[in-house]
Amino acid sequence: MTVGKNQGRSAKHTKSVNLALQGGGSHGAFTWGVLDRMFEDGRIWIEAISGTSAGAMNAVVASQGMYDNGGDGARAELERFWREISVAGQSSLIQR
């Protein structure tokens, strides 16, 4: 992940971390909640983020959100993504 649009590290950040996010369907939704709390808190600066399967989806969505609007952007994009996944899952032909 590369930070853009003037979203650099600020004085409020107290710890830098690199994240590797796990995959596995519902684990991705759980990870969304963890990431949401991390971005809400704001004391952690994410230097790099990667993942596999659902973790990779979270990594891409969070990275784009951070690029666009920092931690608030990441939170908004992750929520939008997982809510859309939830709606799509409810109307899946496999579920019928």
PDB file of N, CA and C in Angstrom:
ATOM      1  N   MET A   1       0.838  -1.162   0.000  1.00  0.00           N
ATOM      2  CA  MET A   1       0.000   0.000   0.000  1.00  0.00           C
ATOM      3  C   MET A   1       0.885   1.227   0.000  1.00  0.00           C
ATOM      4  N   THR A   2       0.576   2.152  -0.835  1.00  0.00           N
ATOM      5  CA  THR A   2       1.265   3.426  -0.853  1.00  0.00           C
ATOM      6  C   THR A   2       0.254   4.504  -0.524  1.00  0.00           C
ATOM      7  N   VAL A   3       0.605   5.362   0.397  1.00  0.00           N
ATOM      8  CA  VAL A   3      -0.309   6.423   0.802  1.00  0.00           C
ATOM      9  C   VAL A   3      -0.210   7.559  -0.196  1.00  0.00           C
ATOM     10  N   GLY A   4      -1.339   8.155  -0.524  1.00  0.00           N
ATOM     11  CA  GLY A   4      -1.349   9.258  -1.471  1.00  0.00           C
ATOM     12  C   GLY A   4      -2.249  10.378  -1.011  1.00  0.00           C
ATOM     13  N   LYS A   5      -2.389  11.370  -1.862  1.00  0.00           N
ATOM     14  CA  LYS A   5      -3.274  12.503  -1.612  1.00  0.00           C
ATOM     15  C   LYS A   5      -3.067  13.120  -0.234  1.00  0.00           C
ATOM     16  N   ASN A   6      -1.829  13.367   0.125  1.00  0.00           N
ATOM     17  CA  ASN A   6      -1.492  14.042   1.389  1.00  0.00           C
ATOM     18  C   ASN A   6      -1.973  13.299   2.622  1.00  0.00           C
ATOM     19  N   GLN A   7      -2.006  11.986   2.569  1.00  0.00           N
ATOM     20  CA  GLN A   7      -2.470  11.198   3.711  1.00  0.00           C
ATOM     21  C   GLN A   7      -1.295  10.612   4.478  1.00  0.00           C
ATOM     22  N   GLY A   8      -0.233  11.360   4.634  1.00  0.00           N
ATOM     23  CA  GLY A   8       0.955  10.866   5.315  1.00  0.00           C
ATOM     24  C   GLY A   8       0.743  10.692   6.807  1.00  0.00           C
ATOM     25  N   ARG A   9       1.738  10.127   7.417  1.00  0.00           N
ATOM     26  CA  ARG A   9       1.701   9.868   8.855  1.00  0.00           C
ATOM     27  C   ARG A   9       1.675  11.191   9.610  1.00  0.00           C
ATOM     28  N   SER A  10       0.819  11.290  10.610  1.00  0.00           N
ATOM     29  CA  SER A  10       0.714  12.520  11.397  1.00  0.00           C
ATOM     30  C   SER A  10       1.234  12.279  12.809  1.00  0.00           C
ATOM     31  N   ALA A  11       1.287  13.355  13.584  1.00  0.00           N
ATOM     32  CA  ALA A  11       1.795  13.277  14.954  1.00  0.00           C
ATOM     33  C   ALA A  11       0.927  12.409  15.853  1.00  0.00           C
ATOM     34  N   LYS A  12      -0.354  12.245  15.515  1.00  0.00           N
ATOM     35  CA  LYS A  12      -1.236  11.446  16.370  1.00  0.00           C
ATOM     36  C   LYS A  12      -0.930   9.949  16.291  1.00  0.00           C
ATOM     37  N   HIS A  13      -0.275   9.506  15.222  1.00  0.00           N
ATOM     38  CA  HIS A  13       0.062   8.091  15.077  1.00  0.00           C
ATOM     39  C   HIS A  13       1.211   7.741  16.018  1.00  0.00           C
ATOM     40  N   THR A  14       1.019   6.707  16.812  1.00  0.00           N
ATOM     41  CA  THR A  14       2.042   6.337  17.784  1.00  0.00           C
ATOM     42  C   THR A  14       2.758   5.038  17.444  1.00  0.00           C
ATOM     43  N   LYS A  15       2.206   4.251  16.532  1.00  0.00           N
ATOM     44  CA  LYS A  15       2.814   2.955  16.222  1.00  0.00           C
ATOM     45  C   LYS A  15       2.617   2.638  14.747  1.00  0.00           C
ATOM     46  N   SER A  16       3.696   2.220  14.092  1.00  0.00           N
ATOM     47  CA  SER A  16       3.633   1.760  12.708  1.00  0.00           C
ATOM     48  C   SER A  16       3.545   0.244  12.696  1.00  0.00           C
ATOM     49  N   VAL A  17       2.698  -0.291  11.818  1.00  0.00           N
ATOM     50  CA  VAL A  17       2.553  -1.740  11.705  1.00  0.00           C
ATOM     51  C   VAL A  17       2.506  -2.147  10.234  1.00  0.00           C
ATOM     52  N   ASN A  18       2.859  -3.387   9.985  1.00  0.00           N
ATOM     53  CA  ASN A  18       2.659  -4.047   8.701  1.00  0.00           C
ATOM     54  C   ASN A  18       1.632  -5.136   8.949  1.00  0.00           C
ATOM     55  N   LEU A  19       0.626  -5.228   8.098  1.00  0.00           N
ATOM     56  CA  LEU A  19      -0.445  -6.201   8.306  1.00  0.00           C
ATOM     57  C   LEU A  19      -0.448  -7.261   7.218  1.00  0.00           C
ATOM     58  N   ALA A  20      -0.653  -8.513   7.615  1.00  0.00           N
ATOM     59  CA  ALA A  20      -0.902  -9.627   6.708  1.00  0.00           C
ATOM     60  C   ALA A  20      -2.260 -10.186   7.111  1.00  0.00           C
ATOM     61  N   LEU A  21      -3.243 -10.058   6.235  1.00  0.00           N
ATOM     62  CA  LEU A  21      -4.620 -10.413   6.565  1.00  0.00           C
ATOM     63  C   LEU A  21      -4.965 -11.804   6.051  1.00  0.00           C
ATOM     64  N   GLN A  22      -5.597 -12.590   6.900  1.00  0.00           N
ATOM     65  CA  GLN A  22      -5.959 -13.960   6.544  1.00  0.00           C
ATOM     66  C   GLN A  22      -7.181 -13.988   5.637  1.00  0.00           C
ATOM     67  N   GLY A  23      -7.321 -15.089   4.942  1.00  0.00           N
ATOM     68  CA  GLY A  23      -8.491 -15.324   4.123  1.00  0.00           C
ATOM     69  C   GLY A  23      -9.457 -16.240   4.842  1.00  0.00           C
ATOM     70  N   GLY A  24     -10.472 -16.653   4.117  1.00  0.00           N
ATOM     71  CA  GLY A  24     -11.412 -17.608   4.675  1.00  0.00           C
ATOM     72  C   GLY A  24     -12.804 -17.065   4.888  1.00  0.00           C
ATOM     73  N   GLY A  25     -13.408 -16.476   3.865  1.00  0.00           N
ATOM     74  CA  GLY A  25     -14.810 -16.076   3.916  1.00  0.00           C
ATOM     75  C   GLY A  25     -15.185 -15.210   5.093  1.00  0.00           C
ATOM     76  N   SER A  26     -15.844 -15.818   6.078  1.00  0.00           N
ATOM     77  CA  SER A  26     -16.346 -15.050   7.220  1.00  0.00           C
ATOM     78  C   SER A  26     -15.215 -14.440   8.044  1.00  0.00           C
ATOM     79  N   HIS A  27     -14.017 -14.996   7.950  1.00  0.00           N
ATOM     80  CA  HIS A  27     -12.869 -14.380   8.626  1.00  0.00           C
ATOM     81  C   HIS A  27     -12.617 -12.979   8.062  1.00  0.00           C
ATOM     82  N   GLY A  28     -12.912 -12.807   6.784  1.00  0.00           N
ATOM     83  CA  GLY A  28     -12.748 -11.492   6.166  1.00  0.00           C
ATOM     84  C   GLY A  28     -13.684 -10.467   6.765  1.00  0.00           C
ATOM     85  N   ALA A  29     -14.924 -10.864   7.038  1.00  0.00           N
ATOM     86  CA  ALA A  29     -15.875  -9.947   7.670  1.00  0.00           C
ATOM     87  C   ALA A  29     -15.432  -9.612   9.089  1.00  0.00           C
ATOM     88  N   PHE A  30     -14.911 -10.590   9.801  1.00  0.00           N
ATOM     89  CA  PHE A  30     -14.384 -10.335  11.143  1.00  0.00           C
ATOM     90  C   PHE A  30     -13.213  -9.349  11.069  1.00  0.00           C
ATOM     91  N   THR A  31     -12.328  -9.573  10.099  1.00  0.00           N
ATOM     92  CA  THR A  31     -11.173  -8.693   9.930  1.00  0.00           C
ATOM     93  C   THR A  31     -11.612  -7.275   9.610  1.00  0.00           C
ATOM     94  N   TRP A  32     -12.702  -7.125   8.855  1.00  0.00           N
ATOM     95  CA  TRP A  32     -13.258  -5.798   8.585  1.00  0.00           C
ATOM     96  C   TRP A  32     -13.517  -5.082   9.903  1.00  0.00           C
ATOM     97  N   GLY A  33     -14.123  -5.763  10.866  1.00  0.00           N
ATOM     98  CA  GLY A  33     -14.400  -5.152  12.166  1.00  0.00           C
ATOM     99  C   GLY A  33     -13.139  -4.734  12.900  1.00  0.00           C
ATOM    100  N   VAL A  34     -12.118  -5.567  12.831  1.00  0.00           N
ATOM    101  CA  VAL A  34     -10.848  -5.235  13.486  1.00  0.00           C
ATOM    102  C   VAL A  34     -10.214  -4.017  12.813  1.00  0.00           C
ATOM    103  N   LEU A  35     -10.188  -4.022  11.477  1.00  0.00           N
ATOM    104  CA  LEU A  35      -9.622  -2.887  10.750  1.00  0.00           C
ATOM    105  C   LEU A  35     -10.402  -1.609  11.030  1.00  0.00           C
ATOM    106  N   ASP A  36     -11.722  -1.720  11.072  1.00  0.00           N
ATOM    107  CA  ASP A  36     -12.557  -0.549  11.348  1.00  0.00           C
ATOM    108  C   ASP A  36     -12.161   0.088  12.673  1.00  0.00           C
ATOM    109  N   ARG A  37     -11.969  -0.735  13.682  1.00  0.00           N
ATOM    110  CA  ARG A  37     -11.589  -0.220  15.001  1.00  0.00           C
ATOM    111  C   ARG A  37     -10.190   0.401  14.970  1.00  0.00           C
ATOM    112  N   MET A  38      -9.273  -0.222  14.238  1.00  0.00           N
ATOM    113  CA  MET A  38      -7.920   0.336  14.134  1.00  0.00           C
ATOM    114  C   MET A  38      -7.940   1.704  13.462  1.00  0.00           C
ATOM    115  N   PHE A  39      -8.698   1.820  12.369  1.00  0.00           N
ATOM    116  CA  PHE A  39      -8.776   3.104  11.671  1.00  0.00           C
ATOM    117  C   PHE A  39      -9.521   4.145  12.502  1.00  0.00           C
ATOM    118  N   GLU A  40     -10.528   3.719  13.240  1.00  0.00           N
ATOM    119  CA  GLU A  40     -11.275   4.636  14.099  1.00  0.00           C
ATOM    120  C   GLU A  40     -10.377   5.201  15.202  1.00  0.00           C
ATOM    121  N   ASP A  41      -9.558   4.349  15.788  1.00  0.00           N
ATOM    122  CA  ASP A  41      -8.672   4.761  16.876  1.00  0.00           C
ATOM    123  C   ASP A  41      -7.632   5.773  16.395  1.00  0.00           C
ATOM    124  N   GLY A  42      -7.044   5.516  15.251  1.00  0.00           N
ATOM    125  CA  GLY A  42      -6.136   6.466  14.632  1.00  0.00           C
ATOM    126  C   GLY A  42      -4.720   6.511  15.161  1.00  0.00           C
ATOM    127  N   ARG A  43      -4.395   5.773  16.199  1.00  0.00           N
ATOM    128  CA  ARG A  43      -3.034   5.819  16.743  1.00  0.00           C
ATOM    129  C   ARG A  43      -2.067   4.912  15.996  1.00  0.00           C
ATOM    130  N   ILE A  44      -2.596   4.033  15.166  1.00  0.00           N
ATOM    131  CA  ILE A  44      -1.754   3.083  14.436  1.00  0.00           C
ATOM    132  C   ILE A  44      -1.618   3.542  12.990  1.00  0.00           C
ATOM    133  N   TRP A  45      -0.394   3.524  12.506  1.00  0.00           N
ATOM    134  CA  TRP A  45      -0.109   3.867  11.116  1.00  0.00           C
ATOM    135  C   TRP A  45       0.221   2.577  10.377  1.00  0.00           C
ATOM    136  N   ILE A  46      -0.517   2.284   9.324  1.00  0.00           N
ATOM    137  CA  ILE A  46      -0.289   1.064   8.552  1.00  0.00           C
ATOM    138  C   ILE A  46       0.728   1.372   7.457  1.00  0.00           C
ATOM    139  N   GLU A  47       1.908   0.800   7.608  1.00  0.00           N
ATOM    140  CA  GLU A  47       2.992   0.983   6.635  1.00  0.00           C
ATOM    141  C   GLU A  47       2.760   0.138   5.386  1.00  0.00           C
ATOM    142  N   ALA A  48       2.324  -1.109   5.590  1.00  0.00           N
ATOM    143  CA  ALA A  48       2.096  -2.031   4.482  1.00  0.00           C
ATOM    144  C   ALA A  48       0.961  -2.967   4.863  1.00  0.00           C
ATOM    145  N   ILE A  49       0.227  -3.420   3.840  1.00  0.00           N
ATOM    146  CA  ILE A  49      -0.892  -4.323   4.088  1.00  0.00           C
ATOM    147  C   ILE A  49      -0.953  -5.326   2.939  1.00  0.00           C
ATOM    148  N   SER A  50      -1.141  -6.591   3.287  1.00  0.00           N
ATOM    149  CA  SER A  50      -1.256  -7.649   2.289  1.00  0.00           C
ATOM    150  C   SER A  50      -2.262  -8.667   2.803  1.00  0.00           C
ATOM    151  N   GLY A  51      -2.632  -9.589   1.952  1.00  0.00           N
ATOM    152  CA  GLY A  51      -3.574 -10.605   2.390  1.00  0.00           C
ATOM    153  C   GLY A  51      -3.762 -11.673   1.343  1.00  0.00           C
ATOM    154  N   THR A  52      -4.518 -12.684   1.730  1.00  0.00           N
ATOM    155  CA  THR A  52      -4.867 -13.762   0.824  1.00  0.00           C
ATOM    156  C   THR A  52      -6.373 -13.959   0.883  1.00  0.00           C
ATOM    157  N   SER A  53      -6.976 -14.256  -0.254  1.00  0.00           N
ATOM    158  CA  SER A  53      -8.411 -14.507  -0.342  1.00  0.00           C
ATOM    159  C   SER A  53      -9.189 -13.306   0.202  1.00  0.00           C
ATOM    160  N   ALA A  54     -10.051 -13.512   1.181  1.00  0.00           N
ATOM    161  CA  ALA A  54     -10.831 -12.399   1.738  1.00  0.00           C
ATOM    162  C   ALA A  54      -9.919 -11.337   2.343  1.00  0.00           C
ATOM    163  N   GLY A  55      -8.773 -11.742   2.848  1.00  0.00           N
ATOM    164  CA  GLY A  55      -7.810 -10.780   3.379  1.00  0.00           C
ATOM    165  C   GLY A  55      -7.252  -9.875   2.294  1.00  0.00           C
ATOM    166  N   ALA A  56      -7.051 -10.430   1.100  1.00  0.00           N
ATOM    167  CA  ALA A  56      -6.578  -9.621  -0.026  1.00  0.00           C
ATOM    168  C   ALA A  56      -7.640  -8.611  -0.439  1.00  0.00           C
ATOM    169  N   MET A  57      -8.908  -9.027  -0.397  1.00  0.00           N
ATOM    170  CA  MET A  57      -9.983  -8.083  -0.719  1.00  0.00           C
ATOM    171  C   MET A  57      -9.998  -6.946   0.294  1.00  0.00           C
ATOM    172  N   ASN A  58      -9.894  -7.276   1.576  1.00  0.00           N
ATOM    173  CA  ASN A  58      -9.832  -6.235   2.608  1.00  0.00           C
ATOM    174  C   ASN A  58      -8.633  -5.317   2.389  1.00  0.00           C
ATOM    175  N   ALA A  59      -7.493  -5.890   2.044  1.00  0.00           N
ATOM    176  CA  ALA A  59      -6.279  -5.092   1.844  1.00  0.00           C
ATOM    177  C   ALA A  59      -6.453  -4.095   0.703  1.00  0.00           C
ATOM    178  N   VAL A  60      -7.017  -4.552  -0.407  1.00  0.00           N
ATOM    179  CA  VAL A  60      -7.206  -3.673  -1.565  1.00  0.00           C
ATOM    180  C   VAL A  60      -8.211  -2.570  -1.250  1.00  0.00           C
ATOM    181  N   VAL A  61      -9.339  -2.943  -0.659  1.00  0.00           N
ATOM    182  CA  VAL A  61     -10.383  -1.958  -0.353  1.00  0.00           C
ATOM    183  C   VAL A  61      -9.873  -0.940   0.667  1.00  0.00           C
ATOM    184  N   ALA A  62      -9.201  -1.405   1.710  1.00  0.00           N
ATOM    185  CA  ALA A  62      -8.663  -0.492   2.724  1.00  0.00           C
ATOM    186  C   ALA A  62      -7.598   0.423   2.121  1.00  0.00           C
ATOM    187  N   SER A  63      -6.746  -0.123   1.275  1.00  0.00           N
ATOM    188  CA  SER A  63      -5.694   0.684   0.646  1.00  0.00           C
ATOM    189  C   SER A  63      -6.285   1.794  -0.207  1.00  0.00           C
ATOM    190  N   GLN A  64      -7.295   1.455  -1.004  1.00  0.00           N
ATOM    191  CA  GLN A  64      -7.922   2.475  -1.846  1.00  0.00           C
ATOM    192  C   GLN A  64      -8.594   3.543  -0.991  1.00  0.00           C
ATOM    193  N   GLY A  65      -9.285   3.121   0.056  1.00  0.00           N
ATOM    194  CA  GLY A  65      -9.921   4.081   0.951  1.00  0.00           C
ATOM    195  C   GLY A  65      -8.911   4.993   1.621  1.00  0.00           C
ATOM    196  N   MET A  66      -7.780   4.421   2.053  1.00  0.00           N
ATOM    197  CA  MET A  66      -6.729   5.240   2.672  1.00  0.00           C
ATOM    198  C   MET A  66      -6.135   6.213   1.665  1.00  0.00           C
ATOM    199  N   TYR A  67      -5.954   5.757   0.456  1.00  0.00           N
ATOM    200  CA  TYR A  67      -5.417   6.632  -0.593  1.00  0.00           C
ATOM    201  C   TYR A  67      -6.354   7.811  -0.826  1.00  0.00           C
ATOM    202  N   ASP A  68      -7.651   7.531  -0.867  1.00  0.00           N
ATOM    203  CA  ASP A  68      -8.638   8.575  -1.152  1.00  0.00           C
ATOM    204  C   ASP A  68      -8.857   9.524   0.017  1.00  0.00           C
ATOM    205  N   ASN A  69      -8.929   8.978   1.248  1.00  0.00           N
ATOM    206  CA  ASN A  69      -9.332   9.831   2.376  1.00  0.00           C
ATOM    207  C   ASN A  69      -8.820   9.325   3.719  1.00  0.00           C
ATOM    208  N   GLY A  70      -7.637   8.778   3.759  1.00  0.00           N
ATOM    209  CA  GLY A  70      -7.054   8.345   5.030  1.00  0.00           C
ATOM    210  C   GLY A  70      -7.864   7.255   5.719  1.00  0.00           C
ATOM    211  N   GLY A  71      -7.759   7.197   7.033  1.00  0.00           N
ATOM    212  CA  GLY A  71      -8.454   6.176   7.814  1.00  0.00           C
ATOM    213  C   GLY A  71      -9.962   6.232   7.676  1.00  0.00           C
ATOM    214  N   ASP A  72     -10.518   7.442   7.600  1.00  0.00           N
ATOM    215  CA  ASP A  72     -11.968   7.571   7.420  1.00  0.00           C
ATOM    216  C   ASP A  72     -12.402   6.992   6.081  1.00  0.00           C
ATOM    217  N   GLY A  73     -11.584   7.211   5.058  1.00  0.00           N
ATOM    218  CA  GLY A  73     -11.883   6.647   3.747  1.00  0.00           C
ATOM    219  C   GLY A  73     -11.820   5.134   3.755  1.00  0.00           C
ATOM    220  N   ALA A  74     -10.841   4.586   4.459  1.00  0.00           N
ATOM    221  CA  ALA A  74     -10.718   3.129   4.561  1.00  0.00           C
ATOM    222  C   ALA A  74     -11.934   2.547   5.266  1.00  0.00           C
ATOM    223  N   ARG A  75     -12.353   3.176   6.344  1.00  0.00           N
ATOM    224  CA  ARG A  75     -13.534   2.694   7.079  1.00  0.00           C
ATOM    225  C   ARG A  75     -14.774   2.713   6.187  1.00  0.00           C
ATOM    226  N   ALA A  76     -14.969   3.805   5.461  1.00  0.00           N
ATOM    227  CA  ALA A  76     -16.149   3.935   4.601  1.00  0.00           C
ATOM    228  C   ALA A  76     -16.135   2.901   3.480  1.00  0.00           C
ATOM    229  N   GLU A  77     -14.984   2.721   2.840  1.00  0.00           N
ATOM    230  CA  GLU A  77     -14.899   1.765   1.731  1.00  0.00           C
ATOM    231  C   GLU A  77     -15.078   0.329   2.197  1.00  0.00           C
ATOM    232  N   LEU A  78     -14.499  -0.019   3.340  1.00  0.00           N
ATOM    233  CA  LEU A  78     -14.677  -1.376   3.867  1.00  0.00           C
ATOM    234  C   LEU A  78     -16.134  -1.638   4.221  1.00  0.00           C
ATOM    235  N   GLU A  79     -16.794  -0.671   4.826  1.00  0.00           N
ATOM    236  CA  GLU A  79     -18.211  -0.864   5.157  1.00  0.00           C
ATOM    237  C   GLU A  79     -19.043  -1.036   3.898  1.00  0.00           C
ATOM    238  N   ARG A  80     -18.816  -0.169   2.908  1.00  0.00           N
ATOM    239  CA  ARG A  80     -19.559  -0.281   1.649  1.00  0.00           C
ATOM    240  C   ARG A  80     -19.331  -1.651   1.024  1.00  0.00           C
ATOM    241  N   PHE A  81     -18.088  -2.086   0.944  1.00  0.00           N
ATOM    242  CA  PHE A  81     -17.747  -3.362   0.327  1.00  0.00           C
ATOM    243  C   PHE A  81     -18.454  -4.524   1.017  1.00  0.00           C
ATOM    244  N   TRP A  82     -18.338  -4.612   2.343  1.00  0.00           N
ATOM    245  CA  TRP A  82     -18.911  -5.756   3.050  1.00  0.00           C
ATOM    246  C   TRP A  82     -20.432  -5.717   3.079  1.00  0.00           C
ATOM    247  N   ARG A  83     -21.033  -4.554   3.079  1.00  0.00           N
ATOM    248  CA  ARG A  83     -22.501  -4.481   2.995  1.00  0.00           C
ATOM    249  C   ARG A  83     -22.971  -4.950   1.623  1.00  0.00           C
ATOM    250  N   GLU A  84     -22.243  -4.573   0.569  1.00  0.00           N
ATOM    251  CA  GLU A  84     -22.603  -5.041  -0.772  1.00  0.00           C
ATOM    252  C   GLU A  84     -22.426  -6.552  -0.897  1.00  0.00           C
ATOM    253  N   ILE A  85     -21.379  -7.100  -0.311  1.00  0.00           N
ATOM    254  CA  ILE A  85     -21.176  -8.554  -0.310  1.00  0.00           C
ATOM    255  C   ILE A  85     -22.343  -9.238   0.397  1.00  0.00           C
ATOM    256  N   SER A  86     -22.785  -8.669   1.504  1.00  0.00           N
ATOM    257  CA  SER A  86     -23.891  -9.238   2.271  1.00  0.00           C
ATOM    258  C   SER A  86     -25.174  -9.275   1.445  1.00  0.00           C
ATOM    259  N   VAL A  87     -25.474  -8.192   0.761  1.00  0.00           N
ATOM    260  CA  VAL A  87     -26.679  -8.132  -0.072  1.00  0.00           C
ATOM    261  C   VAL A  87     -26.572  -9.130  -1.219  1.00  0.00           C
ATOM    262  N   ALA A  88     -25.410  -9.187  -1.856  1.00  0.00           N
ATOM    263  CA  ALA A  88     -25.215 -10.122  -2.965  1.00  0.00           C
ATOM    264  C   ALA A  88     -25.368 -11.566  -2.496  1.00  0.00           C
ATOM    265  N   GLY A  89     -24.891 -11.867  -1.306  1.00  0.00           N
ATOM    266  CA  GLY A  89     -25.007 -13.219  -0.763  1.00  0.00           C
ATOM    267  C   GLY A  89     -26.441 -13.621  -0.480  1.00  0.00           C
ATOM    268  N   GLN A  90     -27.273 -12.661  -0.112  1.00  0.00           N
ATOM    269  CA  GLN A  90     -28.677 -12.950   0.183  1.00  0.00           C
ATOM    270  C   GLN A  90     -29.454 -13.310  -1.070  1.00  0.00           C
ATOM    271  N   SER A  91     -29.023 -12.786  -2.216  1.00  0.00           N
ATOM    272  CA  SER A  91     -29.756 -13.048  -3.449  1.00  0.00           C
ATOM    273  C   SER A  91     -29.072 -14.093  -4.328  1.00  0.00           C
ATOM    274  N   SER A  92     -28.092 -14.790  -3.800  1.00  0.00           N
ATOM    275  CA  SER A  92     -27.363 -15.794  -4.555  1.00  0.00           C
ATOM    276  C   SER A  92     -28.267 -16.972  -4.916  1.00  0.00           C
ATOM    277  N   LEU A  93     -28.129 -17.471  -6.133  1.00  0.00           N
ATOM    278  CA  LEU A  93     -28.891 -18.642  -6.561  1.00  0.00           C
ATOM    279  C   LEU A  93     -28.515 -19.873  -5.751  1.00  0.00           C
ATOM    280  N   ILE A  94     -27.296 -19.916  -5.254  1.00  0.00           N
ATOM    281  CA  ILE A  94     -26.844 -21.054  -4.455  1.00  0.00           C
ATOM    282  C   ILE A  94     -27.626 -21.133  -3.147  1.00  0.00           C
ATOM    283  N   GLN A  95     -28.047 -20.010  -2.619  1.00  0.00           N
ATOM    284  CA  GLN A  95     -28.764 -19.964  -1.345  1.00  0.00           C
ATOM    285  C   GLN A  95     -30.217 -20.416  -1.469  1.00  0.00           C
ATOM    286  N   ARG A  96     -30.731 -20.509  -2.678  1.00  0.00           N
ATOM    287  CA  ARG A  96     -32.156 -20.838  -2.865  1.00  0.00           C
ATOM    288  C   ARG A  96     -32.419 -22.305  -2.804  1.00  0.00           C
TER     289      ARG A  96
END
